[in-house]
């Protein structure tokens, strides 16, 4: 599997969306960007949280409660783009690593855990065409 670039980092701020908007937007000066999944319409002011961006890197501040499950999409995680997501999924399966997979309107996303239990999200790099 080849990681191509960072997609985003995410922190769970459940219950503290307004305070997070104040902290990250006003104090740190990060610009808020619309939440947008797949090809759907952008969402601003969502109870789901907010997304901020600086230098081309997004931080997703998730306002939904954590479920406490392994490979939790609503928990703190880092998201990487890969050059070939189906090939990466095959590698993950061949290595016997458990994963959580979602396909649908928001795209194709996979979550795995590192050996310490940290969540890693993988998505196809939209800048790389697959053959």
N, C-alpha and C. Protein backbone atom coordinates (compact mmCIF):
# COMPACT_ATOMS: atom_id res chain seq x y z
N UNK A 1 0.85 -1.17 0.00
CA UNK A 1 0.00 0.00 0.00
C UNK A 1 0.89 1.23 0.00
N UNK A 2 0.47 2.23 -0.75
CA UNK A 2 1.25 3.47 -0.81
C UNK A 2 0.37 4.62 -0.33
N UNK A 3 0.79 5.25 0.77
CA UNK A 3 0.15 6.47 1.26
C UNK A 3 0.61 7.60 0.35
N UNK A 4 -0.33 8.42 -0.11
CA UNK A 4 0.04 9.51 -1.01
C UNK A 4 0.11 10.86 -0.31
N UNK A 5 -0.80 11.12 0.62
CA UNK A 5 -0.80 12.40 1.34
C UNK A 5 -1.82 12.33 2.46
N UNK A 6 -1.75 13.30 3.35
CA UNK A 6 -2.73 13.34 4.44
C UNK A 6 -4.06 13.87 3.91
N UNK A 7 -5.13 13.32 4.43
CA UNK A 7 -6.47 13.78 4.11
C UNK A 7 -6.94 14.74 5.21
N UNK A 8 -7.02 14.22 6.45
CA UNK A 8 -7.41 15.06 7.58
C UNK A 8 -7.04 14.39 8.89
N UNK A 9 -7.08 15.18 9.96
CA UNK A 9 -7.03 14.64 11.31
C UNK A 9 -8.37 14.96 11.93
N UNK A 10 -8.78 14.18 12.92
CA UNK A 10 -10.08 14.40 13.54
C UNK A 10 -9.98 14.26 15.05
N UNK A 11 -10.64 15.19 15.75
CA UNK A 11 -10.79 15.12 17.20
C UNK A 11 -12.27 15.05 17.49
N UNK A 12 -12.64 14.30 18.51
CA UNK A 12 -14.04 14.27 18.94
C UNK A 12 -14.23 15.36 19.98
N UNK A 13 -15.19 16.25 19.72
CA UNK A 13 -15.49 17.37 20.62
C UNK A 13 -16.95 17.32 21.06
N UNK A 14 -17.55 16.14 21.04
CA UNK A 14 -18.98 15.95 21.32
C UNK A 14 -19.45 16.84 22.47
N UNK A 15 -20.53 17.57 22.23
CA UNK A 15 -21.08 18.45 23.25
C UNK A 15 -20.41 19.80 23.35
N UNK A 16 -19.32 19.99 22.65
CA UNK A 16 -18.56 21.25 22.75
C UNK A 16 -18.31 21.87 21.38
N UNK A 17 -19.29 21.78 20.48
CA UNK A 17 -19.11 22.30 19.13
C UNK A 17 -18.96 23.82 19.15
N UNK A 18 -19.82 24.52 19.86
CA UNK A 18 -19.75 25.99 19.90
C UNK A 18 -18.42 26.45 20.52
N UNK A 19 -18.02 25.80 21.61
CA UNK A 19 -16.75 26.15 22.25
C UNK A 19 -15.57 25.85 21.33
N UNK A 20 -15.66 24.76 20.57
CA UNK A 20 -14.59 24.40 19.64
C UNK A 20 -14.52 25.39 18.49
N UNK A 21 -15.67 25.86 18.02
CA UNK A 21 -15.69 26.87 16.96
C UNK A 21 -14.99 28.14 17.45
N UNK A 22 -15.25 28.53 18.67
CA UNK A 22 -14.61 29.70 19.28
C UNK A 22 -13.10 29.49 19.40
N UNK A 23 -12.70 28.32 19.93
CA UNK A 23 -11.28 28.03 20.17
C UNK A 23 -10.50 27.93 18.86
N UNK A 24 -10.96 27.03 17.96
CA UNK A 24 -10.20 26.79 16.73
C UNK A 24 -10.34 27.92 15.72
N UNK A 25 -11.52 28.54 15.66
CA UNK A 25 -11.75 29.61 14.70
C UNK A 25 -11.25 30.95 15.16
N UNK A 26 -11.72 31.38 16.33
CA UNK A 26 -11.36 32.73 16.79
C UNK A 26 -9.98 32.79 17.44
N UNK A 27 -9.70 31.87 18.37
CA UNK A 27 -8.41 31.93 19.07
C UNK A 27 -7.26 31.51 18.15
N UNK A 28 -7.39 30.34 17.50
CA UNK A 28 -6.30 29.85 16.66
C UNK A 28 -6.34 30.41 15.24
N UNK A 29 -7.48 31.00 14.85
CA UNK A 29 -7.57 31.63 13.53
C UNK A 29 -7.68 30.67 12.36
N UNK A 30 -8.18 29.45 12.60
CA UNK A 30 -8.35 28.48 11.51
C UNK A 30 -9.67 28.74 10.81
N UNK A 31 -9.65 28.72 9.48
CA UNK A 31 -10.86 28.96 8.71
C UNK A 31 -11.77 27.76 8.68
N UNK A 32 -13.06 27.99 8.90
CA UNK A 32 -14.04 26.91 8.84
C UNK A 32 -14.38 26.63 7.38
N UNK A 33 -14.48 25.35 7.05
CA UNK A 33 -14.87 24.92 5.70
C UNK A 33 -16.14 24.08 5.82
N UNK A 34 -16.97 24.08 4.77
CA UNK A 34 -18.21 23.29 4.84
C UNK A 34 -17.93 21.80 4.97
N UNK A 35 -18.74 21.14 5.78
CA UNK A 35 -18.69 19.68 5.87
C UNK A 35 -19.30 19.15 4.59
N UNK A 36 -18.58 18.28 3.89
CA UNK A 36 -19.10 17.74 2.64
C UNK A 36 -18.67 16.29 2.48
N UNK A 37 -19.64 15.41 2.32
CA UNK A 37 -19.38 13.99 2.13
C UNK A 37 -19.67 13.62 0.69
N UNK A 38 -18.77 12.90 0.06
CA UNK A 38 -18.99 12.45 -1.32
C UNK A 38 -19.35 13.61 -2.21
N UNK A 39 -20.44 13.47 -2.94
CA UNK A 39 -20.87 14.53 -3.85
C UNK A 39 -22.06 15.30 -3.30
N UNK A 40 -22.35 15.13 -2.01
CA UNK A 40 -23.49 15.80 -1.39
C UNK A 40 -23.28 17.29 -1.23
N UNK A 41 -24.34 17.97 -0.83
CA UNK A 41 -24.30 19.41 -0.61
C UNK A 41 -23.49 19.73 0.64
N UNK A 42 -22.73 20.82 0.62
CA UNK A 42 -21.97 21.23 1.81
C UNK A 42 -22.90 21.55 2.98
N UNK A 43 -22.45 21.27 4.19
CA UNK A 43 -23.21 21.53 5.41
C UNK A 43 -22.40 22.49 6.27
N UNK A 44 -22.98 23.62 6.66
CA UNK A 44 -22.31 24.54 7.58
C UNK A 44 -23.19 24.65 8.82
N UNK A 45 -22.57 24.74 10.00
CA UNK A 45 -23.32 24.86 11.24
C UNK A 45 -24.01 23.58 11.64
N UNK A 46 -23.42 22.46 11.36
CA UNK A 46 -24.01 21.15 11.63
C UNK A 46 -23.80 20.75 13.08
N UNK A 47 -24.78 20.07 13.70
CA UNK A 47 -24.54 19.51 15.03
C UNK A 47 -23.52 18.38 14.98
N UNK A 48 -23.20 17.90 13.76
CA UNK A 48 -22.18 16.86 13.60
C UNK A 48 -20.81 17.40 13.99
N UNK A 49 -20.66 18.72 14.01
CA UNK A 49 -19.37 19.32 14.33
C UNK A 49 -19.01 20.39 13.35
N UNK A 50 -17.71 20.58 13.16
CA UNK A 50 -17.24 21.55 12.19
C UNK A 50 -15.89 21.09 11.64
N UNK A 51 -15.58 21.56 10.45
CA UNK A 51 -14.29 21.28 9.84
C UNK A 51 -13.55 22.60 9.69
N UNK A 52 -12.27 22.59 10.04
CA UNK A 52 -11.42 23.76 9.86
C UNK A 52 -10.25 23.35 8.98
N UNK A 53 -9.59 24.35 8.40
CA UNK A 53 -8.51 24.05 7.47
C UNK A 53 -7.43 25.11 7.56
N UNK A 54 -6.19 24.67 7.38
CA UNK A 54 -5.05 25.58 7.26
C UNK A 54 -3.98 24.89 6.44
N UNK A 55 -3.43 25.60 5.51
CA UNK A 55 -2.34 25.05 4.69
C UNK A 55 -2.72 23.82 3.92
N UNK A 56 -4.00 23.70 3.55
CA UNK A 56 -4.45 22.55 2.77
C UNK A 56 -4.74 21.30 3.58
N UNK A 57 -4.60 21.38 4.91
CA UNK A 57 -4.88 20.22 5.76
C UNK A 57 -6.12 20.53 6.59
N UNK A 58 -7.08 19.62 6.56
CA UNK A 58 -8.30 19.80 7.33
C UNK A 58 -8.21 19.10 8.68
N UNK A 59 -8.94 19.67 9.64
CA UNK A 59 -9.15 19.05 10.94
C UNK A 59 -10.66 18.94 11.11
N UNK A 60 -11.16 17.73 11.31
CA UNK A 60 -12.58 17.51 11.51
C UNK A 60 -12.84 17.44 13.01
N UNK A 61 -13.67 18.34 13.50
CA UNK A 61 -14.03 18.39 14.91
C UNK A 61 -15.42 17.78 15.02
N UNK A 62 -15.48 16.54 15.46
CA UNK A 62 -16.69 15.74 15.40
C UNK A 62 -17.55 15.98 16.64
N UNK A 63 -18.79 16.40 16.40
CA UNK A 63 -19.70 16.72 17.48
C UNK A 63 -20.58 15.58 17.94
N UNK A 64 -20.48 14.43 17.29
CA UNK A 64 -21.30 13.27 17.64
C UNK A 64 -20.68 12.51 18.81
N UNK A 65 -21.49 11.87 19.64
CA UNK A 65 -20.92 11.09 20.75
C UNK A 65 -20.13 9.88 20.25
N UNK A 66 -19.11 9.51 21.00
CA UNK A 66 -18.34 8.30 20.69
C UNK A 66 -19.17 7.08 21.06
N UNK A 67 -18.96 6.01 20.29
CA UNK A 67 -19.67 4.76 20.59
C UNK A 67 -18.83 3.83 21.46
N UNK A 68 -17.52 4.07 21.51
CA UNK A 68 -16.64 3.21 22.30
C UNK A 68 -16.19 1.96 21.58
N UNK A 69 -16.51 1.85 20.28
CA UNK A 69 -16.13 0.68 19.50
C UNK A 69 -14.70 0.83 18.95
N UNK A 70 -14.03 -0.29 18.67
CA UNK A 70 -12.74 -0.21 17.99
C UNK A 70 -12.91 0.38 16.59
N UNK A 71 -11.88 1.01 16.09
CA UNK A 71 -11.87 1.61 14.75
C UNK A 71 -13.06 2.56 14.59
N UNK A 72 -13.22 3.44 15.56
CA UNK A 72 -14.39 4.30 15.66
C UNK A 72 -14.26 5.54 14.77
N UNK A 73 -15.12 5.69 13.76
CA UNK A 73 -15.06 6.86 12.88
C UNK A 73 -15.33 8.18 13.59
N UNK A 74 -16.09 8.17 14.69
CA UNK A 74 -16.39 9.41 15.39
C UNK A 74 -15.36 9.75 16.46
N UNK A 75 -14.35 8.91 16.63
CA UNK A 75 -13.29 9.17 17.61
C UNK A 75 -12.12 9.90 16.96
N UNK A 76 -11.13 10.21 17.77
CA UNK A 76 -9.91 10.86 17.28
C UNK A 76 -9.19 9.91 16.32
N UNK A 77 -8.82 10.42 15.16
CA UNK A 77 -8.13 9.60 14.17
C UNK A 77 -7.37 10.47 13.17
N UNK A 78 -6.55 9.82 12.36
CA UNK A 78 -5.89 10.48 11.24
C UNK A 78 -6.35 9.77 9.97
N UNK A 79 -6.56 10.53 8.91
CA UNK A 79 -7.00 9.97 7.64
C UNK A 79 -5.93 10.20 6.58
N UNK A 80 -5.59 9.12 5.89
CA UNK A 80 -4.59 9.18 4.83
C UNK A 80 -5.24 8.80 3.51
N UNK A 81 -4.79 9.43 2.43
CA UNK A 81 -5.15 8.99 1.09
C UNK A 81 -4.17 7.91 0.66
N UNK A 82 -4.66 6.93 -0.10
CA UNK A 82 -3.79 5.89 -0.66
C UNK A 82 -3.93 5.90 -2.18
N UNK A 83 -2.94 5.33 -2.85
CA UNK A 83 -2.94 5.33 -4.32
C UNK A 83 -3.95 4.36 -4.91
N UNK A 84 -4.29 3.27 -4.19
CA UNK A 84 -5.20 2.25 -4.70
C UNK A 84 -5.92 1.61 -3.52
N UNK A 85 -7.11 2.11 -3.20
CA UNK A 85 -7.82 1.63 -2.02
C UNK A 85 -8.17 0.14 -2.10
N UNK A 86 -8.68 -0.39 -3.22
CA UNK A 86 -8.95 -1.83 -3.26
C UNK A 86 -7.70 -2.68 -2.99
N UNK A 87 -6.55 -2.26 -3.50
CA UNK A 87 -5.30 -2.99 -3.24
C UNK A 87 -4.92 -2.88 -1.76
N UNK A 88 -5.13 -1.71 -1.17
CA UNK A 88 -4.84 -1.53 0.26
C UNK A 88 -5.74 -2.43 1.10
N UNK A 89 -7.01 -2.52 0.73
CA UNK A 89 -7.95 -3.39 1.45
C UNK A 89 -7.49 -4.84 1.35
N UNK A 90 -7.04 -5.26 0.18
CA UNK A 90 -6.54 -6.62 0.01
C UNK A 90 -5.33 -6.87 0.91
N UNK A 91 -4.43 -5.89 1.01
CA UNK A 91 -3.27 -6.02 1.89
C UNK A 91 -3.68 -6.14 3.34
N UNK A 92 -4.64 -5.32 3.75
CA UNK A 92 -5.13 -5.35 5.13
C UNK A 92 -5.72 -6.71 5.45
N UNK A 93 -6.55 -7.22 4.55
CA UNK A 93 -7.16 -8.55 4.76
C UNK A 93 -6.09 -9.64 4.81
N UNK A 94 -5.12 -9.57 3.90
CA UNK A 94 -4.05 -10.58 3.86
C UNK A 94 -3.23 -10.57 5.14
N UNK A 95 -3.12 -9.39 5.78
CA UNK A 95 -2.36 -9.28 7.03
C UNK A 95 -3.19 -9.70 8.23
N UNK A 96 -4.47 -10.02 8.01
CA UNK A 96 -5.34 -10.44 9.10
C UNK A 96 -5.75 -9.32 10.04
N UNK A 97 -5.71 -8.09 9.55
CA UNK A 97 -6.08 -6.93 10.37
C UNK A 97 -7.58 -6.67 10.22
N UNK A 98 -8.25 -6.51 11.36
CA UNK A 98 -9.68 -6.20 11.33
C UNK A 98 -9.86 -4.78 10.82
N UNK A 99 -10.95 -4.58 10.09
CA UNK A 99 -11.24 -3.25 9.58
C UNK A 99 -12.73 -2.99 9.62
N UNK A 100 -13.04 -1.73 9.55
CA UNK A 100 -14.42 -1.27 9.44
C UNK A 100 -14.49 -0.58 8.09
N UNK A 101 -15.50 -0.91 7.31
CA UNK A 101 -15.58 -0.41 5.94
C UNK A 101 -16.95 0.20 5.69
N UNK A 102 -16.97 1.32 4.98
CA UNK A 102 -18.21 2.00 4.65
C UNK A 102 -18.17 2.40 3.18
N UNK A 103 -19.24 2.05 2.47
CA UNK A 103 -19.39 2.47 1.08
C UNK A 103 -20.78 3.08 0.93
N UNK A 104 -20.87 4.15 0.18
CA UNK A 104 -22.17 4.77 -0.03
C UNK A 104 -22.02 6.19 -0.50
N UNK A 105 -23.01 7.00 -0.13
CA UNK A 105 -23.03 8.39 -0.57
C UNK A 105 -21.79 9.17 -0.15
N UNK A 106 -21.17 8.79 0.96
CA UNK A 106 -20.00 9.54 1.41
C UNK A 106 -18.70 8.99 0.84
N UNK A 107 -18.79 7.99 -0.02
CA UNK A 107 -17.59 7.42 -0.64
C UNK A 107 -17.27 6.05 -0.07
N UNK A 108 -16.03 5.63 -0.25
CA UNK A 108 -15.54 4.34 0.23
C UNK A 108 -14.44 4.65 1.25
N UNK A 109 -14.68 4.28 2.49
CA UNK A 109 -13.76 4.60 3.57
C UNK A 109 -13.50 3.32 4.38
N UNK A 110 -12.25 3.17 4.83
CA UNK A 110 -11.86 2.03 5.67
C UNK A 110 -11.18 2.57 6.92
N UNK A 111 -11.51 1.96 8.06
CA UNK A 111 -10.86 2.30 9.33
C UNK A 111 -10.19 1.05 9.87
N UNK A 112 -8.95 1.21 10.31
CA UNK A 112 -8.20 0.13 10.96
C UNK A 112 -7.61 0.70 12.25
N UNK A 113 -7.06 -0.18 13.08
CA UNK A 113 -6.38 0.25 14.30
C UNK A 113 -4.91 -0.09 14.21
N UNK A 114 -4.07 0.81 14.73
CA UNK A 114 -2.65 0.49 14.83
C UNK A 114 -2.46 -0.42 16.04
N UNK A 115 -1.25 -0.94 16.28
CA UNK A 115 -1.05 -1.87 17.40
C UNK A 115 -1.43 -1.31 18.77
N UNK A 116 -1.43 0.03 18.91
CA UNK A 116 -1.79 0.65 20.19
C UNK A 116 -3.28 0.98 20.27
N UNK A 117 -4.04 0.67 19.21
CA UNK A 117 -5.47 0.91 19.23
C UNK A 117 -5.90 2.25 18.64
N UNK A 118 -4.96 3.02 18.09
CA UNK A 118 -5.30 4.30 17.46
C UNK A 118 -5.98 4.06 16.12
N UNK A 119 -7.00 4.84 15.82
CA UNK A 119 -7.76 4.65 14.59
C UNK A 119 -7.08 5.35 13.41
N UNK A 120 -6.96 4.62 12.31
CA UNK A 120 -6.40 5.11 11.06
C UNK A 120 -7.49 4.96 10.00
N UNK A 121 -7.77 6.04 9.29
CA UNK A 121 -8.75 6.03 8.20
C UNK A 121 -8.00 6.05 6.88
N UNK A 122 -8.48 5.28 5.90
CA UNK A 122 -7.88 5.24 4.57
C UNK A 122 -8.95 5.51 3.52
N UNK A 123 -8.60 6.36 2.55
CA UNK A 123 -9.50 6.66 1.43
C UNK A 123 -8.68 6.70 0.14
N UNK A 124 -9.36 6.46 -0.98
CA UNK A 124 -8.72 6.58 -2.29
C UNK A 124 -8.36 8.04 -2.52
N UNK A 125 -7.13 8.28 -2.97
CA UNK A 125 -6.72 9.65 -3.31
C UNK A 125 -7.46 10.09 -4.55
N UNK A 126 -8.30 11.12 -4.46
CA UNK A 126 -9.08 11.55 -5.63
C UNK A 126 -8.22 12.14 -6.74
N UNK A 127 -6.94 12.45 -6.44
CA UNK A 127 -6.05 12.99 -7.45
C UNK A 127 -5.33 11.91 -8.26
N UNK A 128 -5.56 10.64 -7.88
CA UNK A 128 -4.90 9.53 -8.58
C UNK A 128 -5.96 8.64 -9.21
N UNK A 129 -5.93 8.57 -10.52
CA UNK A 129 -6.87 7.70 -11.25
C UNK A 129 -6.38 6.26 -11.14
N UNK A 130 -7.30 5.37 -10.84
CA UNK A 130 -6.95 3.94 -10.80
C UNK A 130 -7.23 3.34 -12.15
N UNK A 131 -6.39 2.38 -12.55
CA UNK A 131 -6.54 1.74 -13.84
C UNK A 131 -7.52 0.65 -13.92
